[in-house]
């Protein structure tokens, strides 16, 4: 394994360790406080449990917290039945797995909810704690598998998009300067960054040749002042901080505060053991990169290295 692939493996291992410690979020909804508390206590060890006492409150909570893996909702609640609440979550959170708790036989509502994909399973009250735990574990596994498959498809599409951009710009460009900005834009759009800088290096020092892209249209290049960039160039290894506000070595730096950058990933671009540039990806919020995303970024950077080193543009 070459040194850059070894570094990728090390960073992936770190991210995997972080991801394993993170609990999946689930939401429990019941208008009866005792039931709500029981559901919370049943799942709090295995999941990050959010709770709401009504469908309306649950919808507001989802707006604040974002997607959850599983929703467990009582059926008979004031203001809004469980099936109605779950149907309203479907457009925004199609991957979430939904479970209904029902203490009565309302076959028509349940059959419609199941047939339209709103409900994964229904459990009758009073529920058996062991059975409910087993159902929720299966639901969480289903959600995880669905997200993995969605991510695989997104990764394949992103890789194809980047490859298409690389082929198009390298064929049309007469110099490296002409391909940097389109590549920076493609990376930013593929990995949902707020800013991207692609800058060339000569003799282990940054030079003026660069490509920058920002969603806002304005991005300052401060890599020459950035300790992560300096270390990446010096060591030839990936550098990252996924939560700069909590990083005491970086949080006080003026360029991070001015640009409102809260996560930064910088990867050396190496071709035949020679460093020819760096790729800087920046987010204005703490980042939770998945290990497969990092692998895709690394693979894409290797394609950039080949493009920048081709005889056509050098």
C-alpha atoms as a PDB file:
ATOM      1  CA  UNK A   1       0.000   0.000   0.000  1.00  0.00           C
ATOM      2  CA  UNK A   2       1.506   3.379  -1.002  1.00  0.00           C
ATOM      3  CA  UNK A   3       1.812   6.201   1.532  1.00  0.00           C
ATOM      4  CA  UNK A   4      -1.219   8.140   0.278  1.00  0.00           C
ATOM      5  CA  UNK A   5      -3.469   5.079   0.338  1.00  0.00           C
ATOM      6  CA  UNK A   6      -2.173   4.300   3.819  1.00  0.00           C
ATOM      7  CA  UNK A   7      -3.143   7.799   4.929  1.00  0.00           C
ATOM      8  CA  UNK A   8      -6.611   7.347   3.416  1.00  0.00           C
ATOM      9  CA  UNK A   9      -6.989   4.097   5.339  1.00  0.00           C
ATOM     10  CA  UNK A  10      -5.988   5.806   8.578  1.00  0.00           C
ATOM     11  CA  UNK A  11      -8.452   8.663   8.124  1.00  0.00           C
ATOM     12  CA  UNK A  12     -11.200   6.226   7.099  1.00  0.00           C
ATOM     13  CA  UNK A  13     -10.487   4.240  10.271  1.00  0.00           C
ATOM     14  CA  UNK A  14     -10.890   7.403  12.358  1.00  0.00           C
ATOM     15  CA  UNK A  15     -14.173   8.282  10.654  1.00  0.00           C
ATOM     16  CA  UNK A  16     -15.433   4.716  11.022  1.00  0.00           C
ATOM     17  CA  UNK A  17     -14.703   4.816  14.737  1.00  0.00           C
ATOM     18  CA  UNK A  18     -16.637   8.079  15.078  1.00  0.00           C
ATOM     19  CA  UNK A  19     -19.568   6.756  13.078  1.00  0.00           C
ATOM     20  CA  UNK A  20     -19.773   3.575  15.144  1.00  0.00           C
ATOM     21  CA  UNK A  21     -20.133   5.579  18.348  1.00  0.00           C
ATOM     22  CA  UNK A  22     -23.000   7.682  16.963  1.00  0.00           C
ATOM     23  CA  UNK A  23     -26.458   6.383  17.781  1.00  0.00           C
ATOM     24  CA  UNK A  24     -29.236   6.436  15.216  1.00  0.00           C
ATOM     25  CA  UNK A  25     -31.997   8.941  15.924  1.00  0.00           C
ATOM     26  CA  UNK A  26     -35.552   7.698  16.398  1.00  0.00           C
ATOM     27  CA  UNK A  27     -38.719   9.626  17.212  1.00  0.00           C
ATOM     28  CA  UNK A  28     -41.467   8.362  19.541  1.00  0.00           C
ATOM     29  CA  UNK A  29     -44.882  10.052  19.495  1.00  0.00           C
ATOM     30  CA  UNK A  30     -47.693   9.441  21.989  1.00  0.00           C
ATOM     31  CA  UNK A  31     -50.165  11.746  23.701  1.00  0.00           C
ATOM     32  CA  UNK A  32     -50.088   9.696  26.914  1.00  0.00           C
ATOM     33  CA  UNK A  33     -47.115  10.800  29.079  1.00  0.00           C
ATOM     34  CA  UNK A  34     -46.664   7.369  30.691  1.00  0.00           C
ATOM     35  CA  UNK A  35     -46.492   5.623  27.318  1.00  0.00           C
ATOM     36  CA  UNK A  36     -44.155   8.271  25.943  1.00  0.00           C
ATOM     37  CA  UNK A  37     -41.823   7.889  28.903  1.00  0.00           C
ATOM     38  CA  UNK A  38     -41.918   4.097  28.611  1.00  0.00           C
ATOM     39  CA  UNK A  39     -41.002   4.244  24.923  1.00  0.00           C
ATOM     40  CA  UNK A  40     -38.158   6.618  25.695  1.00  0.00           C
ATOM     41  CA  UNK A  41     -36.769   4.358  28.431  1.00  0.00           C
ATOM     42  CA  UNK A  42     -37.141   1.272  26.230  1.00  0.00           C
ATOM     43  CA  UNK A  43     -34.906   2.613  23.460  1.00  0.00           C
ATOM     44  CA  UNK A  44     -32.614   5.213  25.017  1.00  0.00           C
ATOM     45  CA  UNK A  45     -29.660   2.817  25.421  1.00  0.00           C
ATOM     46  CA  UNK A  46     -29.587   1.811  21.768  1.00  0.00           C
ATOM     47  CA  UNK A  47     -30.800   5.005  20.073  1.00  0.00           C
ATOM     48  CA  UNK A  48     -30.796   8.764  20.342  1.00  0.00           C
ATOM     49  CA  UNK A  49     -34.496   9.081  21.211  1.00  0.00           C
ATOM     50  CA  UNK A  50     -36.551  12.178  20.442  1.00  0.00           C
ATOM     51  CA  UNK A  51     -40.072  12.362  21.842  1.00  0.00           C
ATOM     52  CA  UNK A  52     -43.226  14.345  21.121  1.00  0.00           C
ATOM     53  CA  UNK A  53     -46.674  14.318  22.670  1.00  0.00           C
ATOM     54  CA  UNK A  54     -48.619  14.988  19.453  1.00  0.00           C
ATOM     55  CA  UNK A  55     -48.342  14.818  15.693  1.00  0.00           C
ATOM     56  CA  UNK A  56     -48.160  18.603  15.452  1.00  0.00           C
ATOM     57  CA  UNK A  57     -45.306  18.786  17.960  1.00  0.00           C
ATOM     58  CA  UNK A  58     -43.553  15.910  16.206  1.00  0.00           C
ATOM     59  CA  UNK A  59     -43.697  17.709  12.846  1.00  0.00           C
ATOM     60  CA  UNK A  60     -42.173  20.802  14.445  1.00  0.00           C
ATOM     61  CA  UNK A  61     -39.447  18.669  16.041  1.00  0.00           C
ATOM     62  CA  UNK A  62     -38.595  17.045  12.710  1.00  0.00           C
ATOM     63  CA  UNK A  63     -38.229  20.498  11.152  1.00  0.00           C
ATOM     64  CA  UNK A  64     -35.652  21.306  13.801  1.00  0.00           C
ATOM     65  CA  UNK A  65     -33.830  17.973  14.012  1.00  0.00           C
ATOM     66  CA  UNK A  66     -34.065  16.724  10.445  1.00  0.00           C
ATOM     67  CA  UNK A  67     -34.354  13.105   9.353  1.00  0.00           C
ATOM     68  CA  UNK A  68     -34.631  10.261  11.848  1.00  0.00           C
ATOM     69  CA  UNK A  69     -34.156   6.557  11.171  1.00  0.00           C
ATOM     70  CA  UNK A  70     -37.430   5.341  12.710  1.00  0.00           C
ATOM     71  CA  UNK A  71     -40.690   6.942  13.852  1.00  0.00           C
ATOM     72  CA  UNK A  72     -42.883   5.106  16.358  1.00  0.00           C
ATOM     73  CA  UNK A  73     -46.275   6.761  16.618  1.00  0.00           C
ATOM     74  CA  UNK A  74     -49.483   6.066  18.490  1.00  0.00           C
ATOM     75  CA  UNK A  75     -52.509   5.893  16.195  1.00  0.00           C
ATOM     76  CA  UNK A  76     -55.256   7.482  18.276  1.00  0.00           C
ATOM     77  CA  UNK A  77     -54.153  10.983  19.265  1.00  0.00           C
ATOM     78  CA  UNK A  78     -56.019  14.305  19.507  1.00  0.00           C
ATOM     79  CA  UNK A  79     -55.645  16.816  16.663  1.00  0.00           C
ATOM     80  CA  UNK A  80     -54.112  14.288  14.282  1.00  0.00           C
ATOM     81  CA  UNK A  81     -54.217  10.502  13.961  1.00  0.00           C
ATOM     82  CA  UNK A  82     -50.951   8.628  13.745  1.00  0.00           C
ATOM     83  CA  UNK A  83     -51.504   7.592  10.123  1.00  0.00           C
ATOM     84  CA  UNK A  84     -52.199  11.214   9.151  1.00  0.00           C
ATOM     85  CA  UNK A  85     -49.053  12.389  10.937  1.00  0.00           C
ATOM     86  CA  UNK A  86     -46.916   9.732   9.258  1.00  0.00           C
ATOM     87  CA  UNK A  87     -48.339  10.552   5.827  1.00  0.00           C
ATOM     88  CA  UNK A  88     -47.245  14.162   6.318  1.00  0.00           C
ATOM     89  CA  UNK A  89     -43.659  13.078   7.027  1.00  0.00           C
ATOM     90  CA  UNK A  90     -43.405  10.984   3.878  1.00  0.00           C
ATOM     91  CA  UNK A  91     -42.620  13.708   1.277  1.00  0.00           C
ATOM     92  CA  UNK A  92     -39.747  15.256   3.244  1.00  0.00           C
ATOM     93  CA  UNK A  93     -38.358  12.070   4.798  1.00  0.00           C
ATOM     94  CA  UNK A  94     -39.081   9.198   2.399  1.00  0.00           C
ATOM     95  CA  UNK A  95     -36.330   6.960   3.826  1.00  0.00           C
ATOM     96  CA  UNK A  96     -37.565   7.048   7.425  1.00  0.00           C
ATOM     97  CA  UNK A  97     -39.135   3.765   8.591  1.00  0.00           C
ATOM     98  CA  UNK A  98     -42.531   4.191  10.285  1.00  0.00           C
ATOM     99  CA  UNK A  99     -44.208   2.060  12.961  1.00  0.00           C
ATOM    100  CA  UNK A 100     -47.767   2.497  14.281  1.00  0.00           C
ATOM    101  CA  UNK A 101     -48.924   1.566  17.793  1.00  0.00           C
ATOM    102  CA  UNK A 102     -52.647   0.917  17.934  1.00  0.00           C
ATOM    103  CA  UNK A 103     -54.898  -0.075  20.801  1.00  0.00           C
ATOM    104  CA  UNK A 104     -57.953  -0.711  18.689  1.00  0.00           C
ATOM    105  CA  UNK A 105     -58.865  -2.279  15.374  1.00  0.00           C
ATOM    106  CA  UNK A 106     -58.952   0.354  12.678  1.00  0.00           C
ATOM    107  CA  UNK A 107     -58.283  -1.904   9.738  1.00  0.00           C
ATOM    108  CA  UNK A 108     -59.204   0.594   7.024  1.00  0.00           C
ATOM    109  CA  UNK A 109     -56.722   3.237   8.164  1.00  0.00           C
ATOM    110  CA  UNK A 110     -53.930   0.733   8.770  1.00  0.00           C
ATOM    111  CA  UNK A 111     -54.343  -1.086   5.455  1.00  0.00           C
ATOM    112  CA  UNK A 112     -54.307   2.203   3.546  1.00  0.00           C
ATOM    113  CA  UNK A 113     -51.216   3.384   5.442  1.00  0.00           C
ATOM    114  CA  UNK A 114     -49.363   0.140   4.787  1.00  0.00           C
ATOM    115  CA  UNK A 115     -50.349  -0.004   1.117  1.00  0.00           C
ATOM    116  CA  UNK A 116     -49.179   3.570   0.489  1.00  0.00           C
ATOM    117  CA  UNK A 117     -45.808   2.913   2.100  1.00  0.00           C
ATOM    118  CA  UNK A 118     -46.439   5.070   5.141  1.00  0.00           C
ATOM    119  CA  UNK A 119     -46.136   2.257   7.679  1.00  0.00           C
ATOM    120  CA  UNK A 120     -43.508  -0.485   7.939  1.00  0.00           C
ATOM    121  CA  UNK A 121     -45.272  -2.376  10.753  1.00  0.00           C
ATOM    122  CA  UNK A 122     -48.126  -1.958  13.187  1.00  0.00           C
ATOM    123  CA  UNK A 123     -48.007  -3.141  16.806  1.00  0.00           C
ATOM    124  CA  UNK A 124     -51.108  -3.626  18.946  1.00  0.00           C
ATOM    125  CA  UNK A 125     -51.373  -2.320  22.482  1.00  0.00           C
ATOM    126  CA  UNK A 126     -50.424  -3.348  25.049  1.00  0.00           C
ATOM    127  CA  UNK A 127     -47.194  -4.141  23.274  1.00  0.00           C
ATOM    128  CA  UNK A 128     -44.602  -6.679  24.280  1.00  0.00           C
ATOM    129  CA  UNK A 129     -41.337  -4.872  25.006  1.00  0.00           C
ATOM    130  CA  UNK A 130     -39.173  -7.610  23.494  1.00  0.00           C
ATOM    131  CA  UNK A 131     -41.269  -7.791  20.329  1.00  0.00           C
ATOM    132  CA  UNK A 132     -41.239  -4.024  19.915  1.00  0.00           C
ATOM    133  CA  UNK A 133     -37.466  -3.873  20.377  1.00  0.00           C
ATOM    134  CA  UNK A 134     -37.029  -6.552  17.717  1.00  0.00           C
ATOM    135  CA  UNK A 135     -39.297  -4.702  15.282  1.00  0.00           C
ATOM    136  CA  UNK A 136     -37.484  -1.412  15.838  1.00  0.00           C
ATOM    137  CA  UNK A 137     -34.067  -3.064  15.376  1.00  0.00           C
ATOM    138  CA  UNK A 138     -35.277  -4.503  12.064  1.00  0.00           C
ATOM    139  CA  UNK A 139     -36.645  -1.106  11.077  1.00  0.00           C
ATOM    140  CA  UNK A 140     -33.321   0.567  11.911  1.00  0.00           C
ATOM    141  CA  UNK A 141     -31.458  -2.073   9.885  1.00  0.00           C
ATOM    142  CA  UNK A 142     -33.830  -1.483   6.966  1.00  0.00           C
ATOM    143  CA  UNK A 143     -33.210   2.260   7.167  1.00  0.00           C
ATOM    144  CA  UNK A 144     -29.437   1.743   7.312  1.00  0.00           C
ATOM    145  CA  UNK A 145     -29.486  -0.556   4.282  1.00  0.00           C
ATOM    146  CA  UNK A 146     -31.644   1.890   2.335  1.00  0.00           C
ATOM    147  CA  UNK A 147     -29.273   4.762   3.139  1.00  0.00           C
ATOM    148  CA  UNK A 148     -26.288   2.654   2.087  1.00  0.00           C
ATOM    149  CA  UNK A 149     -27.875   1.838  -1.268  1.00  0.00           C
ATOM    150  CA  UNK A 150     -28.905   5.464  -1.774  1.00  0.00           C
ATOM    151  CA  UNK A 151     -25.364   6.547  -0.942  1.00  0.00           C
ATOM    152  CA  UNK A 152     -23.881   4.001  -3.347  1.00  0.00           C
ATOM    153  CA  UNK A 153     -26.066   5.376  -6.134  1.00  0.00           C
ATOM    154  CA  UNK A 154     -25.209   8.972  -5.218  1.00  0.00           C
ATOM    155  CA  UNK A 155     -21.524   8.083  -5.104  1.00  0.00           C
ATOM    156  CA  UNK A 156     -21.675   6.454  -8.527  1.00  0.00           C
ATOM    157  CA  UNK A 157     -23.496   9.471  -9.971  1.00  0.00           C
ATOM    158  CA  UNK A 158     -21.023  11.893  -8.375  1.00  0.00           C
ATOM    159  CA  UNK A 159     -18.078   9.918  -9.711  1.00  0.00           C
ATOM    160  CA  UNK A 160     -19.590   9.864 -13.190  1.00  0.00           C
ATOM    161  CA  UNK A 161     -20.258  13.610 -13.028  1.00  0.00           C
ATOM    162  CA  UNK A 162     -16.692  14.364 -11.961  1.00  0.00           C
ATOM    163  CA  UNK A 163     -15.277  12.058 -14.610  1.00  0.00           C
ATOM    164  CA  UNK A 164     -17.434  13.720 -17.265  1.00  0.00           C
ATOM    165  CA  UNK A 165     -16.249  17.182 -16.207  1.00  0.00           C
ATOM    166  CA  UNK A 166     -12.604  16.079 -16.213  1.00  0.00           C
ATOM    167  CA  UNK A 167     -12.874  14.594 -19.693  1.00  0.00           C
ATOM    168  CA  UNK A 168     -14.729  17.617 -21.092  1.00  0.00           C
ATOM    169  CA  UNK A 169     -12.473  20.303 -19.665  1.00  0.00           C
ATOM    170  CA  UNK A 170      -9.203  18.530 -20.399  1.00  0.00           C
ATOM    171  CA  UNK A 171     -10.229  18.013 -24.002  1.00  0.00           C
ATOM    172  CA  UNK A 172     -11.244  21.640 -24.440  1.00  0.00           C
ATOM    173  CA  UNK A 173      -8.530  23.345 -22.371  1.00  0.00           C
ATOM    174  CA  UNK A 174      -5.131  24.401 -23.626  1.00  0.00           C
ATOM    175  CA  UNK A 175      -3.667  25.062 -20.150  1.00  0.00           C
ATOM    176  CA  UNK A 176      -4.104  23.894 -16.581  1.00  0.00           C
ATOM    177  CA  UNK A 177      -5.504  27.307 -15.607  1.00  0.00           C
ATOM    178  CA  UNK A 178      -8.576  26.717 -17.776  1.00  0.00           C
ATOM    179  CA  UNK A 179      -9.589  23.469 -16.080  1.00  0.00           C
ATOM    180  CA  UNK A 180      -9.166  24.404 -12.409  1.00  0.00           C
ATOM    181  CA  UNK A 181     -12.348  26.465 -11.904  1.00  0.00           C
ATOM    182  CA  UNK A 182     -14.698  23.908 -13.589  1.00  0.00           C
ATOM    183  CA  UNK A 183     -13.166  21.111 -11.536  1.00  0.00           C
ATOM    184  CA  UNK A 184     -13.526  23.126  -8.318  1.00  0.00           C
ATOM    185  CA  UNK A 185     -17.189  23.720  -9.144  1.00  0.00           C
ATOM    186  CA  UNK A 186     -17.781  20.025  -9.862  1.00  0.00           C
ATOM    187  CA  UNK A 187     -16.228  19.002  -6.540  1.00  0.00           C
ATOM    188  CA  UNK A 188     -18.243  21.584  -4.630  1.00  0.00           C
ATOM    189  CA  UNK A 189     -21.528  20.500  -6.185  1.00  0.00           C
ATOM    190  CA  UNK A 190     -20.795  16.782  -5.815  1.00  0.00           C
ATOM    191  CA  UNK A 191     -19.913  16.993  -2.131  1.00  0.00           C
ATOM    192  CA  UNK A 192     -22.279  19.822  -1.145  1.00  0.00           C
ATOM    193  CA  UNK A 193     -19.533  22.184   0.019  1.00  0.00           C
ATOM    194  CA  UNK A 194     -19.837  25.923   0.516  1.00  0.00           C
ATOM    195  CA  UNK A 195     -16.455  26.580  -1.067  1.00  0.00           C
ATOM    196  CA  UNK A 196     -13.712  24.781  -2.958  1.00  0.00           C
ATOM    197  CA  UNK A 197     -10.154  25.780  -3.866  1.00  0.00           C
ATOM    198  CA  UNK A 198      -7.973  23.850  -6.292  1.00  0.00           C
ATOM    199  CA  UNK A 199      -4.451  25.305  -6.273  1.00  0.00           C
ATOM    200  CA  UNK A 200      -1.265  24.186  -7.979  1.00  0.00           C
ATOM    201  CA  UNK A 201       2.107  23.674  -6.291  1.00  0.00           C
ATOM    202  CA  UNK A 202       5.673  24.033  -7.517  1.00  0.00           C
ATOM    203  CA  UNK A 203       8.675  23.074  -5.404  1.00  0.00           C
ATOM    204  CA  UNK A 204       6.353  22.309  -2.465  1.00  0.00           C
ATOM    205  CA  UNK A 205       4.991  25.859  -2.447  1.00  0.00           C
ATOM    206  CA  UNK A 206       1.605  27.217  -3.510  1.00  0.00           C
ATOM    207  CA  UNK A 207       1.646  29.275  -6.697  1.00  0.00           C
ATOM    208  CA  UNK A 208      -0.863  31.761  -8.091  1.00  0.00           C
ATOM    209  CA  UNK A 209      -2.453  29.257 -10.483  1.00  0.00           C
ATOM    210  CA  UNK A 210      -5.758  28.338  -8.875  1.00  0.00           C
ATOM    211  CA  UNK A 211      -9.425  27.556  -9.350  1.00  0.00           C
ATOM    212  CA  UNK A 212     -11.997  28.644  -6.801  1.00  0.00           C
ATOM    213  CA  UNK A 213     -15.728  28.121  -6.459  1.00  0.00           C
ATOM    214  CA  UNK A 214     -18.279  29.268  -3.897  1.00  0.00           C
ATOM    215  CA  UNK A 215     -22.045  28.899  -3.672  1.00  0.00           C
ATOM    216  CA  UNK A 216     -22.204  32.583  -2.794  1.00  0.00           C
ATOM    217  CA  UNK A 217     -20.004  33.567  -5.724  1.00  0.00           C
ATOM    218  CA  UNK A 218     -17.260  34.964  -3.491  1.00  0.00           C
ATOM    219  CA  UNK A 219     -14.446  32.974  -1.911  1.00  0.00           C
ATOM    220  CA  UNK A 220     -11.092  34.169  -0.595  1.00  0.00           C
ATOM    221  CA  UNK A 221      -8.023  32.001  -1.023  1.00  0.00           C
ATOM    222  CA  UNK A 222      -6.262  31.937   2.364  1.00  0.00           C
ATOM    223  CA  UNK A 223      -4.538  28.567   1.980  1.00  0.00           C
ATOM    224  CA  UNK A 224      -1.099  30.173   2.207  1.00  0.00           C
ATOM    225  CA  UNK A 225      -2.000  31.224   5.780  1.00  0.00           C
ATOM    226  CA  UNK A 226      -3.728  28.002   6.790  1.00  0.00           C
ATOM    227  CA  UNK A 227      -1.962  25.506   9.081  1.00  0.00           C
ATOM    228  CA  UNK A 228      -3.917  22.569   7.632  1.00  0.00           C
ATOM    229  CA  UNK A 229      -2.750  23.471   4.127  1.00  0.00           C
ATOM    230  CA  UNK A 230       0.822  23.935   5.323  1.00  0.00           C
ATOM    231  CA  UNK A 231       0.816  20.543   7.018  1.00  0.00           C
ATOM    232  CA  UNK A 232      -0.775  18.856   3.985  1.00  0.00           C
ATOM    233  CA  UNK A 233       1.973  20.254   1.745  1.00  0.00           C
ATOM    234  CA  UNK A 234       4.752  19.425   4.209  1.00  0.00           C
ATOM    235  CA  UNK A 235       3.638  15.863   4.937  1.00  0.00           C
ATOM    236  CA  UNK A 236       1.852  14.985   1.704  1.00  0.00           C
ATOM    237  CA  UNK A 237      -1.044  13.701   3.808  1.00  0.00           C
ATOM    238  CA  UNK A 238      -4.744  14.522   4.121  1.00  0.00           C
ATOM    239  CA  UNK A 239      -5.612  17.101   6.773  1.00  0.00           C
ATOM    240  CA  UNK A 240      -9.094  17.745   8.102  1.00  0.00           C
ATOM    241  CA  UNK A 241     -11.078  19.368  10.862  1.00  0.00           C
ATOM    242  CA  UNK A 242     -14.753  18.450  10.804  1.00  0.00           C
ATOM    243  CA  UNK A 243     -15.779  20.803  13.619  1.00  0.00           C
ATOM    244  CA  UNK A 244     -13.571  23.900  13.674  1.00  0.00           C
ATOM    245  CA  UNK A 245     -15.565  25.712  16.427  1.00  0.00           C
ATOM    246  CA  UNK A 246     -14.419  22.943  18.786  1.00  0.00           C
ATOM    247  CA  UNK A 247     -10.860  22.829  17.406  1.00  0.00           C
ATOM    248  CA  UNK A 248      -8.766  25.066  19.662  1.00  0.00           C
ATOM    249  CA  UNK A 249      -5.883  25.146  17.167  1.00  0.00           C
ATOM    250  CA  UNK A 250      -8.051  26.564  14.368  1.00  0.00           C
ATOM    251  CA  UNK A 251     -11.074  28.305  15.867  1.00  0.00           C
ATOM    252  CA  UNK A 252      -9.200  31.509  16.687  1.00  0.00           C
ATOM    253  CA  UNK A 253      -7.766  31.945  13.196  1.00  0.00           C
ATOM    254  CA  UNK A 254      -9.149  35.039  11.482  1.00  0.00           C
ATOM    255  CA  UNK A 255      -9.593  33.468   8.049  1.00  0.00           C
ATOM    256  CA  UNK A 256     -11.876  30.731   9.386  1.00  0.00           C
ATOM    257  CA  UNK A 257     -13.965  33.290  11.260  1.00  0.00           C
ATOM    258  CA  UNK A 258     -14.161  35.705   8.315  1.00  0.00           C
ATOM    259  CA  UNK A 259     -15.129  32.999   5.823  1.00  0.00           C
ATOM    260  CA  UNK A 260     -17.436  31.342   8.391  1.00  0.00           C
ATOM    261  CA  UNK A 261     -15.799  28.006   7.625  1.00  0.00           C
ATOM    262  CA  UNK A 262     -16.616  25.363  10.235  1.00  0.00           C
ATOM    263  CA  UNK A 263     -15.208  22.279   8.504  1.00  0.00           C
ATOM    264  CA  UNK A 264     -12.183  21.964   6.244  1.00  0.00           C
ATOM    265  CA  UNK A 265     -10.751  19.022   4.319  1.00  0.00           C
ATOM    266  CA  UNK A 266      -7.553  19.442   2.318  1.00  0.00           C
ATOM    267  CA  UNK A 267      -6.021  16.716   0.165  1.00  0.00           C
ATOM    268  CA  UNK A 268      -2.638  16.810  -1.599  1.00  0.00           C
ATOM    269  CA  UNK A 269      -2.797  16.072  -5.321  1.00  0.00           C
ATOM    270  CA  UNK A 270       0.065  13.693  -6.075  1.00  0.00           C
ATOM    271  CA  UNK A 271       1.103  12.241  -9.408  1.00  0.00           C
ATOM    272  CA  UNK A 272       3.965   9.744  -9.610  1.00  0.00           C
ATOM    273  CA  UNK A 273       5.104  10.695  -6.115  1.00  0.00           C
ATOM    274  CA  UNK A 274       5.273  14.384  -7.007  1.00  0.00           C
ATOM    275  CA  UNK A 275       2.919  16.859  -5.361  1.00  0.00           C
ATOM    276  CA  UNK A 276       1.338  19.067  -8.017  1.00  0.00           C
ATOM    277  CA  UNK A 277      -1.495  20.722  -6.116  1.00  0.00           C
ATOM    278  CA  UNK A 278      -3.976  20.681  -3.244  1.00  0.00           C
ATOM    279  CA  UNK A 279      -7.747  20.424  -3.088  1.00  0.00           C
ATOM    280  CA  UNK A 280      -9.517  22.340  -0.310  1.00  0.00           C
ATOM    281  CA  UNK A 281     -13.165  21.574   0.509  1.00  0.00           C
ATOM    282  CA  UNK A 282     -14.895  23.933   2.943  1.00  0.00           C
ATOM    283  CA  UNK A 283     -18.243  23.828   4.728  1.00  0.00           C
ATOM    284  CA  UNK A 284     -19.949  26.559   6.743  1.00  0.00           C
ATOM    285  CA  UNK A 285     -21.283  23.978   9.195  1.00  0.00           C
ATOM    286  CA  UNK A 286     -19.692  21.094  11.123  1.00  0.00           C
ATOM    287  CA  UNK A 287     -19.307  18.158   8.769  1.00  0.00           C
ATOM    288  CA  UNK A 288     -20.092  14.460   9.213  1.00  0.00           C
ATOM    289  CA  UNK A 289     -18.253  12.935   6.264  1.00  0.00           C
ATOM    290  CA  UNK A 290     -18.948   9.270   5.689  1.00  0.00           C
ATOM    291  CA  UNK A 291     -15.990   7.041   4.985  1.00  0.00           C
ATOM    292  CA  UNK A 292     -17.324   6.192   1.521  1.00  0.00           C
ATOM    293  CA  UNK A 293     -17.483   9.913   0.708  1.00  0.00           C
ATOM    294  CA  UNK A 294     -13.843  10.297   1.694  1.00  0.00           C
ATOM    295  CA  UNK A 295     -12.904   7.357  -0.504  1.00  0.00           C
ATOM    296  CA  UNK A 296     -14.768   8.923  -3.421  1.00  0.00           C
ATOM    297  CA  UNK A 297     -13.025  12.261  -2.870  1.00  0.00           C
ATOM    298  CA  UNK A 298      -9.674  10.471  -2.833  1.00  0.00           C
ATOM    299  CA  UNK A 299     -10.445   8.581  -6.040  1.00  0.00           C
ATOM    300  CA  UNK A 300     -11.611  11.790  -7.714  1.00  0.00           C
ATOM    301  CA  UNK A 301      -8.427  13.594  -6.641  1.00  0.00           C
ATOM    302  CA  UNK A 302      -6.421  10.826  -8.304  1.00  0.00           C
ATOM    303  CA  UNK A 303      -8.337  11.495 -11.517  1.00  0.00           C
ATOM    304  CA  UNK A 304      -7.560  15.210 -11.154  1.00  0.00           C
ATOM    305  CA  UNK A 305      -3.869  14.374 -10.746  1.00  0.00           C
ATOM    306  CA  UNK A 306      -3.906  12.438 -14.014  1.00  0.00           C
ATOM    307  CA  UNK A 307      -5.771  15.267 -15.779  1.00  0.00           C
ATOM    308  CA  UNK A 308      -3.374  17.953 -14.526  1.00  0.00           C
ATOM    309  CA  UNK A 309      -0.359  15.879 -15.515  1.00  0.00           C
ATOM    310  CA  UNK A 310      -1.529  14.937 -18.997  1.00  0.00           C
ATOM    311  CA  UNK A 311       0.623  16.020 -21.910  1.00  0.00           C
ATOM    312  CA  UNK A 312      -2.355  17.826 -23.424  1.00  0.00           C
ATOM    313  CA  UNK A 313      -2.366  20.618 -20.840  1.00  0.00           C
ATOM    314  CA  UNK A 314       1.260  20.799 -19.686  1.00  0.00           C
END
